[in-house]
Protein backbone atom coordinates (compact mmCIF):
# COMPACT_ATOMS: atom_id res chain seq x y z
CA UNK A 1 56.16 -58.44 -19.02
CA UNK A 2 57.24 -55.36 -20.89
CA UNK A 3 54.90 -52.40 -20.84
CA UNK A 4 54.11 -50.47 -23.97
CA UNK A 5 52.92 -46.91 -24.21
CA UNK A 6 49.56 -48.05 -25.48
CA UNK A 7 48.64 -49.73 -22.19
CA UNK A 8 49.73 -46.96 -19.81
CA UNK A 9 47.01 -44.48 -18.87
CA UNK A 10 47.67 -41.14 -17.30
CA UNK A 11 44.95 -40.08 -14.86
CA UNK A 12 44.61 -36.37 -14.20
CA UNK A 13 42.68 -35.43 -11.08
CA UNK A 14 39.51 -33.36 -11.57
CA UNK A 15 39.52 -30.36 -9.26
CA UNK A 16 36.04 -28.94 -8.67
CA UNK A 17 36.77 -26.31 -6.06
CA UNK A 18 39.18 -24.99 -3.52
CA UNK A 19 41.09 -27.40 -1.36
CA UNK A 20 40.42 -28.26 2.24
CA UNK A 21 40.52 -25.24 4.54
CA UNK A 22 40.74 -24.99 8.28
CA UNK A 23 37.37 -24.29 9.90
CA UNK A 24 37.13 -21.15 11.98
CA UNK A 25 34.95 -20.56 15.01
CA UNK A 26 31.68 -18.74 14.37
CA UNK A 27 31.61 -15.13 15.58
CA UNK A 28 29.77 -14.37 18.81
CA UNK A 29 27.64 -11.58 17.28
CA UNK A 30 26.75 -10.76 13.68
CA UNK A 31 25.57 -7.26 12.74
CA UNK A 32 23.77 -6.60 9.47
CA UNK A 33 23.26 -3.27 7.83
CA UNK A 34 20.70 -1.72 7.79
CA UNK A 35 19.69 -2.01 11.40
CA UNK A 36 16.15 -3.38 11.67
CA UNK A 37 13.76 -2.97 14.59
CA UNK A 38 10.48 -4.59 15.58
CA UNK A 39 7.64 -2.68 17.20
CA UNK A 40 4.84 -3.94 19.37
CA UNK A 41 2.13 -5.48 17.18
CA UNK A 42 -0.75 -4.22 19.32
CA UNK A 43 0.58 -0.65 19.28
CA UNK A 44 1.09 -0.81 15.50
CA UNK A 45 -2.44 -2.11 15.03
CA UNK A 46 -3.73 0.81 17.11
CA UNK A 47 -1.70 3.37 15.11
CA UNK A 48 -2.93 2.00 11.78
CA UNK A 49 -6.53 1.83 13.04
CA UNK A 50 -6.39 5.55 13.90
CA UNK A 51 -4.50 6.51 10.71
CA UNK A 52 -5.82 9.14 8.33
CA UNK A 53 -5.79 7.48 4.89
CA UNK A 54 -5.90 9.34 1.58
CA UNK A 55 -5.79 7.40 -1.67
CA UNK A 56 -5.99 8.14 -5.37
CA UNK A 57 -5.25 6.35 -8.60
CA UNK A 58 -6.01 5.92 -12.28
CA UNK A 59 -5.87 3.31 -15.00
CA UNK A 60 -3.57 3.77 -18.02
CA UNK A 61 -3.48 1.95 -21.33
CA UNK A 62 0.05 0.87 -22.22
CA UNK A 63 1.42 -1.27 -25.05
CA UNK A 64 1.68 -4.29 -22.73
CA UNK A 65 -1.86 -3.88 -21.36
CA UNK A 66 -3.83 -1.81 -18.88
CA UNK A 67 -2.13 -0.81 -15.61
CA UNK A 68 -3.34 0.74 -12.38
CA UNK A 69 -1.18 3.49 -10.89
CA UNK A 70 -2.08 4.69 -7.44
CA UNK A 71 -0.83 6.43 -4.35
CA UNK A 72 -1.91 6.00 -0.74
CA UNK A 73 -0.81 8.27 2.10
CA UNK A 74 -1.28 7.24 5.70
CA UNK A 75 -0.78 9.67 8.58
CA UNK A 76 0.01 7.70 11.72
CA UNK A 77 -0.92 9.92 14.68
CA UNK A 78 1.90 10.92 17.03
CA UNK A 79 2.95 13.89 19.11
CA UNK A 80 5.01 16.49 17.29
CA UNK A 81 8.00 15.81 19.54
CA UNK A 82 7.80 12.04 18.87
CA UNK A 83 7.17 12.12 15.11
CA UNK A 84 10.82 12.25 14.03
CA UNK A 85 11.80 9.40 16.35
CA UNK A 86 8.75 7.34 15.35
CA UNK A 87 9.52 7.92 11.64
CA UNK A 88 13.08 6.66 12.15
CA UNK A 89 11.80 3.56 13.95
CA UNK A 90 9.00 2.97 11.42
CA UNK A 91 11.39 3.19 8.46
CA UNK A 92 13.41 0.30 9.95
CA UNK A 93 10.43 -1.88 10.91
CA UNK A 94 9.37 -4.44 8.32
CA UNK A 95 5.94 -4.85 9.97
CA UNK A 96 5.14 -1.16 9.42
CA UNK A 97 5.94 -1.58 5.73
CA UNK A 98 3.79 -4.70 5.46
CA UNK A 99 0.81 -3.01 7.14
CA UNK A 100 1.20 0.05 4.89
CA UNK A 101 1.39 -2.16 1.80
CA UNK A 102 -1.75 -4.04 2.84
CA UNK A 103 -3.62 -0.77 3.38
CA UNK A 104 -2.50 0.49 -0.06
CA UNK A 105 -3.51 -2.82 -1.65
CA UNK A 106 -6.94 -2.64 -0.05
CA UNK A 107 -7.43 0.97 -1.21
CA UNK A 108 -6.28 0.20 -4.76
CA UNK A 109 -8.58 -2.83 -5.02
CA UNK A 110 -11.53 -0.66 -3.98
CA UNK A 111 -10.80 1.98 -6.63
CA UNK A 112 -9.54 -0.04 -9.59
CA UNK A 113 -11.99 -0.92 -12.39
CA UNK A 114 -11.05 -4.61 -12.25
CA UNK A 115 -8.95 -7.21 -10.50
CA UNK A 116 -5.32 -6.29 -9.95
CA UNK A 117 -2.28 -8.43 -10.63
CA UNK A 118 1.08 -8.39 -8.88
CA UNK A 119 1.85 -5.15 -7.09
CA UNK A 120 5.06 -3.19 -7.48
CA UNK A 121 5.39 -0.55 -4.81
CA UNK A 122 7.62 2.13 -3.38
CA UNK A 123 7.28 3.13 0.28
CA UNK A 124 8.50 6.39 1.85
CA UNK A 125 8.27 7.13 5.57
CA UNK A 126 8.81 10.71 6.75
CA UNK A 127 7.94 12.76 9.85
CA UNK A 128 4.90 15.03 9.52
CA UNK A 129 3.36 17.80 11.63
CA UNK A 130 0.53 15.42 12.64
CA UNK A 131 2.66 12.31 13.13
CA UNK A 132 4.37 10.02 10.64
CA UNK A 133 3.43 10.04 6.96
CA UNK A 134 3.74 6.76 5.07
CA UNK A 135 3.44 7.16 1.28
CA UNK A 136 2.91 4.04 -0.81
CA UNK A 137 3.02 4.35 -4.60
CA UNK A 138 1.71 1.27 -6.39
CA UNK A 139 1.62 -0.10 -9.90
CA UNK A 140 -0.28 -3.24 -10.89
CA UNK A 141 -1.56 -4.74 -14.13
CA UNK A 142 -5.30 -5.14 -14.52
CA UNK A 143 -6.30 -8.77 -14.89
CA UNK A 144 -8.67 -8.96 -17.80
CA UNK A 145 -10.21 -11.95 -19.45
CA UNK A 146 -12.91 -14.49 -18.88
CA UNK A 147 -14.46 -14.79 -15.47
CA UNK A 148 -14.69 -18.57 -15.89
CA UNK A 149 -12.25 -21.02 -17.40
CA UNK A 150 -12.88 -22.29 -20.96
CA UNK A 151 -13.48 -25.83 -19.63
CA UNK A 152 -16.65 -24.69 -17.81
CA UNK A 153 -18.45 -23.46 -20.91
């Protein structure tokens, strides 16, 4: 049976990615930058319980609404000879940052004229003469509106 050009189909393969590659063995150790550390939770709790906390803030009217801007400084007590080392460790410890953020959130909620929305913060950790100073600058929108939903009226 003769074949005409009308009945012959040319199939082109669809390539969606790279071809098959040889698998390599996983490395023994992976190192990520920056280097992170983890401190003892009980010692951190003690340092934050003894911390000297200073907080301030104000509300500003902006075109997109009212915002709370605040700053909280925590002085974690430490010996003068240990403060630089402790500041280096604290700046690499995620748990120190979380505790500092929670303290700043608590302070801002106490001082703000209303409920606060999502926080945006910047944290700086530096050695100080009295220990380690943790500065947390925060910005959050004020949540304004009805206290109850419209369906409850």
